[in-house]
C-alpha atoms as a PDB file:
ATOM      1  CA  MET A   1     -20.779  31.741  25.755  1.00  0.00           C
ATOM      2  CA  ASN A   2     -18.401  32.816  23.028  1.00  0.00           C
ATOM      3  CA  ASN A   3     -15.254  33.296  25.078  1.00  0.00           C
ATOM      4  CA  GLU A   4     -16.244  30.626  27.526  1.00  0.00           C
ATOM      5  CA  LYS A   5     -13.972  27.640  28.373  1.00  0.00           C
ATOM      6  CA  ILE A   6     -15.694  24.606  29.858  1.00  0.00           C
ATOM      7  CA  ARG A   7     -13.805  21.927  31.720  1.00  0.00           C
ATOM      8  CA  GLY A   8     -15.201  18.504  32.437  1.00  0.00           C
ATOM      9  CA  LYS A   9     -14.889  14.692  32.326  1.00  0.00           C
ATOM     10  CA  ALA A  10     -15.539  12.567  29.256  1.00  0.00           C
ATOM     11  CA  TRP A  11     -18.223   9.930  29.507  1.00  0.00           C
ATOM     12  CA  LYS A  12     -17.701   7.641  26.413  1.00  0.00           C
ATOM     13  CA  PHE A  13     -20.675   6.025  24.605  1.00  0.00           C
ATOM     14  CA  GLY A  14     -20.688   4.128  21.422  1.00  0.00           C
ATOM     15  CA  ASP A  15     -22.668   4.377  18.206  1.00  0.00           C
ATOM     16  CA  ASN A  16     -26.432   4.552  17.706  1.00  0.00           C
ATOM     17  CA  ILE A  17     -27.508   5.780  21.188  1.00  0.00           C
ATOM     18  CA  SER A  18     -31.215   6.236  20.801  1.00  0.00           C
ATOM     19  CA  THR A  19     -33.473   8.653  22.430  1.00  0.00           C
ATOM     20  CA  ASP A  20     -35.066   5.697  24.210  1.00  0.00           C
ATOM     21  CA  SER A  21     -31.720   4.979  25.848  1.00  0.00           C
ATOM     22  CA  ILE A  22     -31.345   8.665  26.764  1.00  0.00           C
ATOM     23  CA  ALA A  23     -34.894   9.022  28.036  1.00  0.00           C
ATOM     24  CA  PRO A  24     -36.094   5.492  28.918  1.00  0.00           C
ATOM     25  CA  GLY A  25     -39.580   4.767  27.558  1.00  0.00           C
ATOM     26  CA  SER A  26     -40.520   3.022  30.685  1.00  0.00           C
ATOM     27  CA  LEU A  27     -40.268   6.385  32.487  1.00  0.00           C
ATOM     28  CA  ILE A  28     -41.849   8.581  29.887  1.00  0.00           C
ATOM     29  CA  GLY A  29     -44.571   9.546  32.411  1.00  0.00           C
ATOM     30  CA  LEU A  30     -41.894  11.643  34.021  1.00  0.00           C
ATOM     31  CA  ARG A  31     -41.695  13.991  31.054  1.00  0.00           C
ATOM     32  CA  SER A  32     -43.836  16.470  32.834  1.00  0.00           C
ATOM     33  CA  ASN A  33     -41.187  16.467  35.623  1.00  0.00           C
ATOM     34  CA  PRO A  34     -37.852  17.036  33.670  1.00  0.00           C
ATOM     35  CA  PRO A  35     -35.705  17.423  36.895  1.00  0.00           C
ATOM     36  CA  GLU A  36     -36.969  14.084  38.093  1.00  0.00           C
ATOM     37  CA  PHE A  37     -36.581  12.470  34.650  1.00  0.00           C
ATOM     38  CA  ALA A  38     -32.941  13.780  34.453  1.00  0.00           C
ATOM     39  CA  LYS A  39     -32.140  11.581  37.478  1.00  0.00           C
ATOM     40  CA  HIS A  40     -32.519   8.647  35.040  1.00  0.00           C
ATOM     41  CA  VAL A  41     -30.835  10.008  31.913  1.00  0.00           C
ATOM     42  CA  LEU A  42     -29.004   7.277  29.971  1.00  0.00           C
ATOM     43  CA  GLU A  43     -29.551   4.711  32.752  1.00  0.00           C
ATOM     44  CA  THR A  44     -30.406   1.968  30.428  1.00  0.00           C
ATOM     45  CA  ALA A  45     -27.271   2.499  28.353  1.00  0.00           C
ATOM     46  CA  ARG A  46     -24.998   3.046  31.477  1.00  0.00           C
ATOM     47  CA  PRO A  47     -26.639   2.779  34.863  1.00  0.00           C
ATOM     48  CA  GLU A  48     -23.706   4.560  36.642  1.00  0.00           C
ATOM     49  CA  PHE A  49     -23.904   7.647  34.428  1.00  0.00           C
ATOM     50  CA  CYS A  50     -26.994   9.205  35.900  1.00  0.00           C
ATOM     51  CA  LYS A  51     -25.726   8.687  39.404  1.00  0.00           C
ATOM     52  CA  ASN A  52     -22.191  10.045  38.885  1.00  0.00           C
ATOM     53  CA  VAL A  53     -22.275  12.669  36.122  1.00  0.00           C
ATOM     54  CA  LYS A  54     -21.195  16.084  37.331  1.00  0.00           C
ATOM     55  CA  LYS A  55     -21.874  19.677  36.115  1.00  0.00           C
ATOM     56  CA  ASP A  56     -19.946  20.515  32.966  1.00  0.00           C
ATOM     57  CA  ASP A  57     -19.119  16.849  32.184  1.00  0.00           C
ATOM     58  CA  PHE A  58     -19.259  15.781  28.515  1.00  0.00           C
ATOM     59  CA  ILE A  59     -20.972  13.003  26.757  1.00  0.00           C
ATOM     60  CA  VAL A  60     -18.625  11.634  24.038  1.00  0.00           C
ATOM     61  CA  ALA A  61     -20.203   9.305  21.456  1.00  0.00           C
ATOM     62  CA  GLY A  62     -19.702   7.705  18.063  1.00  0.00           C
ATOM     63  CA  THR A  63     -22.089   8.104  15.204  1.00  0.00           C
ATOM     64  CA  ASN A  64     -25.820   8.766  15.132  1.00  0.00           C
ATOM     65  CA  PHE A  65     -26.254   9.876  18.709  1.00  0.00           C
ATOM     66  CA  GLY A  66     -29.840  10.623  19.565  1.00  0.00           C
ATOM     67  CA  CYS A  67     -31.257   8.349  16.801  1.00  0.00           C
ATOM     68  CA  GLY A  68     -34.773   7.030  16.922  1.00  0.00           C
ATOM     69  CA  SER A  69     -37.855   8.738  18.016  1.00  0.00           C
ATOM     70  CA  SER A  70     -38.462  12.505  18.143  1.00  0.00           C
ATOM     71  CA  ARG A  71     -38.517  12.481  22.003  1.00  0.00           C
ATOM     72  CA  GLU A  72     -37.920  16.160  22.713  1.00  0.00           C
ATOM     73  CA  ILE A  73     -37.299  15.509  26.414  1.00  0.00           C
ATOM     74  CA  ALA A  74     -33.996  13.626  25.649  1.00  0.00           C
ATOM     75  CA  PRO A  75     -31.656  16.717  25.177  1.00  0.00           C
ATOM     76  CA  ILE A  76     -33.637  18.557  27.912  1.00  0.00           C
ATOM     77  CA  ILE A  77     -32.808  15.966  30.534  1.00  0.00           C
ATOM     78  CA  ILE A  78     -29.139  15.663  29.347  1.00  0.00           C
ATOM     79  CA  LYS A  79     -28.850  19.488  29.903  1.00  0.00           C
ATOM     80  CA  ILE A  80     -30.664  19.332  33.332  1.00  0.00           C
ATOM     81  CA  ALA A  81     -28.355  16.493  34.413  1.00  0.00           C
ATOM     82  CA  GLY A  82     -25.384  19.054  34.071  1.00  0.00           C
ATOM     83  CA  VAL A  83     -23.770  17.917  30.858  1.00  0.00           C
ATOM     84  CA  SER A  84     -22.154  20.890  29.156  1.00  0.00           C
ATOM     85  CA  ALA A  85     -21.922  19.394  25.673  1.00  0.00           C
ATOM     86  CA  VAL A  86     -22.423  16.231  23.716  1.00  0.00           C
ATOM     87  CA  LEU A  87     -19.543  15.493  21.359  1.00  0.00           C
ATOM     88  CA  ALA A  88     -20.229  12.913  18.616  1.00  0.00           C
ATOM     89  CA  LYS A  89     -19.247  11.977  15.110  1.00  0.00           C
ATOM     90  CA  SER A  90     -22.834  12.527  14.014  1.00  0.00           C
ATOM     91  CA  PHE A  91     -26.288  13.112  15.508  1.00  0.00           C
ATOM     92  CA  GLY A  92     -29.794  11.950  14.750  1.00  0.00           C
ATOM     93  CA  ARG A  93     -31.428  14.766  12.678  1.00  0.00           C
ATOM     94  CA  ILE A  94     -34.468  15.295  14.913  1.00  0.00           C
ATOM     95  CA  PHE A  95     -32.418  15.034  18.117  1.00  0.00           C
ATOM     96  CA  TYR A  96     -29.965  17.666  16.839  1.00  0.00           C
ATOM     97  CA  ARG A  97     -32.817  20.125  16.124  1.00  0.00           C
ATOM     98  CA  ASN A  98     -34.527  19.420  19.438  1.00  0.00           C
ATOM     99  CA  ALA A  99     -31.168  19.902  21.261  1.00  0.00           C
ATOM    100  CA  VAL A 100     -30.452  23.357  19.616  1.00  0.00           C
ATOM    101  CA  ASN A 101     -34.018  24.459  20.121  1.00  0.00           C
ATOM    102  CA  ASN A 102     -33.690  23.582  23.860  1.00  0.00           C
ATOM    103  CA  GLY A 103     -30.313  25.190  24.356  1.00  0.00           C
ATOM    104  CA  MET A 104     -28.186  21.936  24.524  1.00  0.00           C
ATOM    105  CA  LEU A 105     -24.781  22.250  23.013  1.00  0.00           C
ATOM    106  CA  LEU A 106     -23.871  19.574  20.426  1.00  0.00           C
ATOM    107  CA  ILE A 107     -20.558  19.433  18.709  1.00  0.00           C
ATOM    108  CA  GLU A 108     -19.931  17.159  15.745  1.00  0.00           C
ATOM    109  CA  CYS A 109     -16.326  16.098  15.606  1.00  0.00           C
ATOM    110  CA  ASP A 110     -13.978  13.141  15.571  1.00  0.00           C
ATOM    111  CA  THR A 111     -14.234  11.480  18.970  1.00  0.00           C
ATOM    112  CA  ASP A 112     -11.898   8.456  18.424  1.00  0.00           C
ATOM    113  CA  LEU A 113      -9.005   9.926  20.351  1.00  0.00           C
ATOM    114  CA  ILE A 114     -11.027  10.801  23.367  1.00  0.00           C
ATOM    115  CA  ASP A 115     -11.032   8.216  26.118  1.00  0.00           C
ATOM    116  CA  GLU A 116     -13.373   7.525  28.999  1.00  0.00           C
ATOM    117  CA  ALA A 117     -12.631   9.890  31.887  1.00  0.00           C
ATOM    118  CA  ASP A 118     -10.368  12.207  29.900  1.00  0.00           C
ATOM    119  CA  GLU A 119     -10.502  15.731  31.389  1.00  0.00           C
ATOM    120  CA  LEU A 120     -11.468  17.959  28.473  1.00  0.00           C
ATOM    121  CA  ILE A 121     -11.466  21.718  27.992  1.00  0.00           C
ATOM    122  CA  LEU A 122     -13.903  23.106  25.476  1.00  0.00           C
ATOM    123  CA  ASP A 123     -12.953  26.483  23.992  1.00  0.00           C
ATOM    124  CA  ILE A 124     -15.938  27.684  22.191  1.00  0.00           C
ATOM    125  CA  GLU A 125     -14.469  30.979  20.974  1.00  0.00           C
ATOM    126  CA  ASN A 126     -11.683  29.229  19.160  1.00  0.00           C
ATOM    127  CA  ARG A 127     -13.703  26.106  18.264  1.00  0.00           C
ATOM    128  CA  LYS A 128     -11.197  23.688  19.840  1.00  0.00           C
ATOM    129  CA  ILE A 129     -11.279  20.810  22.346  1.00  0.00           C
ATOM    130  CA  HIS A 130      -8.220  20.036  24.362  1.00  0.00           C
ATOM    131  CA  LYS A 131      -7.222  17.357  26.789  1.00  0.00           C
ATOM    132  CA  ALA A 132      -6.209  18.899  30.109  1.00  0.00           C
ATOM    133  CA  ASN A 133      -3.229  16.564  30.499  1.00  0.00           C
ATOM    134  CA  ASP A 134      -2.019  16.678  26.850  1.00  0.00           C
ATOM    135  CA  GLU A 135      -0.941  19.989  25.483  1.00  0.00           C
ATOM    136  CA  ASN A 136      -0.530  18.490  21.972  1.00  0.00           C
ATOM    137  CA  PHE A 137      -4.097  17.187  21.757  1.00  0.00           C
ATOM    138  CA  GLU A 138      -6.519  19.375  19.911  1.00  0.00           C
ATOM    139  CA  ILE A 139      -9.786  18.772  18.035  1.00  0.00           C
ATOM    140  CA  ASN A 140     -11.133  21.561  15.843  1.00  0.00           C
ATOM    141  CA  PHE A 141     -14.906  21.746  15.259  1.00  0.00           C
ATOM    142  CA  VAL A 142     -17.360  24.000  13.430  1.00  0.00           C
ATOM    143  CA  LEU A 143     -20.129  25.780  15.270  1.00  0.00           C
ATOM    144  CA  SER A 144     -21.982  28.716  13.774  1.00  0.00           C
ATOM    145  CA  GLU A 145     -22.363  32.086  15.440  1.00  0.00           C
ATOM    146  CA  GLN A 146     -26.178  31.530  15.159  1.00  0.00           C
ATOM    147  CA  GLU A 147     -26.106  28.193  16.971  1.00  0.00           C
ATOM    148  CA  ILE A 148     -23.893  29.697  19.739  1.00  0.00           C
ATOM    149  CA  LYS A 149     -26.369  32.632  20.154  1.00  0.00           C
ATOM    150  CA  ILE A 150     -29.394  30.296  20.296  1.00  0.00           C
ATOM    151  CA  ILE A 151     -27.719  28.030  22.832  1.00  0.00           C
ATOM    152  CA  SER A 152     -26.479  31.031  24.887  1.00  0.00           C
ATOM    153  CA  GLU A 153     -29.904  32.242  25.212  1.00  0.00           C
ATOM    154  CA  GLY A 154     -31.179  28.923  26.515  1.00  0.00           C
ATOM    155  CA  GLY A 155     -32.906  27.819  23.257  1.00  0.00           C
ATOM    156  CA  LEU A 156     -34.731  28.965  20.277  1.00  0.00           C
ATOM    157  CA  LEU A 157     -37.733  30.522  21.980  1.00  0.00           C
ATOM    158  CA  ASP A 158     -35.683  32.500  24.248  1.00  0.00           C
ATOM    159  CA  TYR A 159     -33.469  33.652  21.341  1.00  0.00           C
ATOM    160  CA  ILE A 160     -36.530  34.778  19.383  1.00  0.00           C
ATOM    161  CA  ASP A 161     -37.856  36.591  22.457  1.00  0.00           C
ATOM    162  CA  LYS A 162     -34.584  38.515  22.677  1.00  0.00           C
ATOM    163  CA  TYR A 163     -33.652  39.171  19.104  1.00  0.00           C
ATOM    164  CA  GLN A 164     -36.858  39.211  17.025  1.00  0.00           C
ATOM    165  CA  SER A 165     -39.658  41.631  17.168  1.00  0.00           C
ATOM    166  CA  LEU A 166     -42.965  40.383  15.842  1.00  0.00           C
ATOM    167  CA  ASP A 167     -45.017  43.206  14.334  1.00  0.00           C
ATOM    168  CA  PHE A 168     -48.391  42.089  13.273  1.00  0.00           C
END
């Protein structure tokens, strides 16, 4: 993942998108079937999103994305839906931890200058986001090597399996 560049469309959301908006509570019975649940991701916030999101697209949000409950399924179904990363000014603390643990890439950055449907290029190695049609546009972000390794392995448990030996 380090030298990977990901290109996709920006789907713009506002502030305070809750985990209930991401993974609708009325469908929580689908949590045992994440691929089916992913077909409904964010449908209460934006009904067209779950029907039209494409592989490698980006969710772009304001502050406090993933606030609310500790619904672990929320980042999982975002990832299954094909979203390559969520870019936001800030994240709900529990959502952030659940996302990293499940291998979903979250990037905290200033999202004000990203517009709906912008074609974005995410350069993980250089920690930069570019707009495909604007060579002067660039957003820098911080992402630790540890976070990149965990996400590259698909989540915390897979990372531990690969890099840690448990000697009892």
